[in-house]
Amino acid sequence: MLDAALDNGIALGHNCGGNCACSTCHVIVIEGMENLSDMRDDEEDMLDTAVGLTLQSRLACQSQVKGDIKIRIPPKPAI
């Protein structure tokens, strides 16, 4: 999902370079959760650090898209 977003000019944070070492690419899946790869344990652990975590949260760098999806990129907290 991260590569698709970046390839299409969508600004999506990815401080760790897509290595599941941060949660800056956190997205919320609005539709199509069934069209994403299964979540692995390392993604689930890293998501615990994401601001605004929901039951529909995923890390874009770890989610392989297999069909249509609709996501929302949550606002990033001010530093």
C-alpha atoms as a PDB file:
ATOM      1  CA  MET A   1       0.000   0.000   0.000  1.00  0.00           C
ATOM      2  CA  LEU A   2       2.834   2.404   0.798  1.00  0.00           C
ATOM      3  CA  ASP A   3       4.456   1.957  -2.615  1.00  0.00           C
ATOM      4  CA  ALA A   4       1.113   2.453  -4.387  1.00  0.00           C
ATOM      5  CA  ALA A   5       0.453   5.647  -2.439  1.00  0.00           C
ATOM      6  CA  LEU A   6       3.897   7.088  -3.151  1.00  0.00           C
ATOM      7  CA  ASP A   7       3.764   6.051  -6.827  1.00  0.00           C
ATOM      8  CA  ASN A   8       0.536   8.023  -7.143  1.00  0.00           C
ATOM      9  CA  GLY A   9       1.746  11.203  -5.472  1.00  0.00           C
ATOM     10  CA  ILE A  10      -0.013  10.612  -2.139  1.00  0.00           C
ATOM     11  CA  ALA A  11       2.034  12.028   0.717  1.00  0.00           C
ATOM     12  CA  LEU A  12       2.228   9.247   3.288  1.00  0.00           C
ATOM     13  CA  GLY A  13       4.827   9.362   6.040  1.00  0.00           C
ATOM     14  CA  HIS A  14       7.342   6.533   6.166  1.00  0.00           C
ATOM     15  CA  ASN A  15      10.190   7.554   8.460  1.00  0.00           C
ATOM     16  CA  CYS A  16      11.686   4.051   8.655  1.00  0.00           C
ATOM     17  CA  GLY A  17      11.667   3.533   4.894  1.00  0.00           C
ATOM     18  CA  GLY A  18       8.901   0.933   5.011  1.00  0.00           C
ATOM     19  CA  ASN A  19      10.640  -1.509   7.350  1.00  0.00           C
ATOM     20  CA  CYS A  20       7.972  -1.836  10.066  1.00  0.00           C
ATOM     21  CA  ALA A  21      10.149   0.060  12.524  1.00  0.00           C
ATOM     22  CA  CYS A  22       7.808   3.007  13.164  1.00  0.00           C
ATOM     23  CA  SER A  23       4.131   3.816  12.768  1.00  0.00           C
ATOM     24  CA  THR A  24       4.305   6.916  10.561  1.00  0.00           C
ATOM     25  CA  CYS A  25       2.556   5.113   7.667  1.00  0.00           C
ATOM     26  CA  HIS A  26      -0.476   4.293   9.850  1.00  0.00           C
ATOM     27  CA  VAL A  27      -3.713   4.394   7.857  1.00  0.00           C
ATOM     28  CA  ILE A  28      -7.325   3.584   8.655  1.00  0.00           C
ATOM     29  CA  VAL A  29      -9.067   1.239   6.234  1.00  0.00           C
ATOM     30  CA  ILE A  30     -12.564   2.538   5.481  1.00  0.00           C
ATOM     31  CA  GLU A  31     -13.493  -0.153   2.937  1.00  0.00           C
ATOM     32  CA  GLY A  32     -11.860  -3.309   1.643  1.00  0.00           C
ATOM     33  CA  MET A  33     -10.073  -4.727   4.682  1.00  0.00           C
ATOM     34  CA  GLU A  34     -10.655  -8.173   3.146  1.00  0.00           C
ATOM     35  CA  ASN A  35      -8.561  -7.046   0.153  1.00  0.00           C
ATOM     36  CA  LEU A  36      -5.385  -6.665   2.239  1.00  0.00           C
ATOM     37  CA  SER A  37      -2.789  -9.214   3.273  1.00  0.00           C
ATOM     38  CA  ASP A  38      -3.101 -10.677   6.751  1.00  0.00           C
ATOM     39  CA  MET A  39      -1.515  -8.709   9.568  1.00  0.00           C
ATOM     40  CA  ARG A  40       1.694 -10.189  10.956  1.00  0.00           C
ATOM     41  CA  ASP A  41       2.711 -10.007  14.609  1.00  0.00           C
ATOM     42  CA  ASP A  42       5.411  -7.368  14.019  1.00  0.00           C
ATOM     43  CA  GLU A  43       2.885  -5.056  12.356  1.00  0.00           C
ATOM     44  CA  GLU A  44       0.407  -5.572  15.184  1.00  0.00           C
ATOM     45  CA  ASP A  45       3.111  -4.767  17.756  1.00  0.00           C
ATOM     46  CA  MET A  46       4.199  -1.610  15.908  1.00  0.00           C
ATOM     47  CA  LEU A  47       0.599  -0.432  15.491  1.00  0.00           C
ATOM     48  CA  ASP A  48       0.358  -0.209  19.281  1.00  0.00           C
ATOM     49  CA  THR A  49       2.543   2.911  19.009  1.00  0.00           C
ATOM     50  CA  ALA A  50       0.300   4.627  16.425  1.00  0.00           C
ATOM     51  CA  VAL A  51      -1.655   7.716  17.408  1.00  0.00           C
ATOM     52  CA  GLY A  52      -5.382   7.330  16.776  1.00  0.00           C
ATOM     53  CA  LEU A  53      -5.329   3.533  16.603  1.00  0.00           C
ATOM     54  CA  THR A  54      -8.616   1.896  15.552  1.00  0.00           C
ATOM     55  CA  LEU A  55      -9.783  -1.642  14.829  1.00  0.00           C
ATOM     56  CA  GLN A  56      -9.367  -0.775  11.126  1.00  0.00           C
ATOM     57  CA  SER A  57      -5.776   0.486  11.457  1.00  0.00           C
ATOM     58  CA  ARG A  58      -2.956  -0.916   9.336  1.00  0.00           C
ATOM     59  CA  LEU A  59       0.600   0.037   8.502  1.00  0.00           C
ATOM     60  CA  ALA A  60       0.749   0.898   4.816  1.00  0.00           C
ATOM     61  CA  CYS A  61       4.294  -0.483   4.532  1.00  0.00           C
ATOM     62  CA  GLN A  62       3.145  -3.942   5.629  1.00  0.00           C
ATOM     63  CA  SER A  63      -0.185  -4.173   3.787  1.00  0.00           C
ATOM     64  CA  GLN A  64      -0.238  -5.808   0.384  1.00  0.00           C
ATOM     65  CA  VAL A  65      -3.268  -4.756  -1.637  1.00  0.00           C
ATOM     66  CA  LYS A  66      -5.175  -7.530  -3.422  1.00  0.00           C
ATOM     67  CA  GLY A  67      -8.252  -5.562  -4.517  1.00  0.00           C
ATOM     68  CA  ASP A  68     -10.089  -2.289  -4.072  1.00  0.00           C
ATOM     69  CA  ILE A  69      -9.626  -0.418  -0.807  1.00  0.00           C
ATOM     70  CA  LYS A  70     -10.502   2.972   0.611  1.00  0.00           C
ATOM     71  CA  ILE A  71      -8.312   4.454   3.337  1.00  0.00           C
ATOM     72  CA  ARG A  72      -8.028   7.558   5.464  1.00  0.00           C
ATOM     73  CA  ILE A  73      -4.665   8.953   6.486  1.00  0.00           C
ATOM     74  CA  PRO A  74      -5.067  10.212  10.055  1.00  0.00           C
ATOM     75  CA  PRO A  75      -3.616  13.604  10.952  1.00  0.00           C
ATOM     76  CA  LYS A  76      -0.123  13.436  12.376  1.00  0.00           C
ATOM     77  CA  PRO A  77       0.402  14.898  15.868  1.00  0.00           C
ATOM     78  CA  ALA A  78       2.308  18.162  16.181  1.00  0.00           C
ATOM     79  CA  ILE A  79       5.842  17.734  17.453  1.00  0.00           C
END
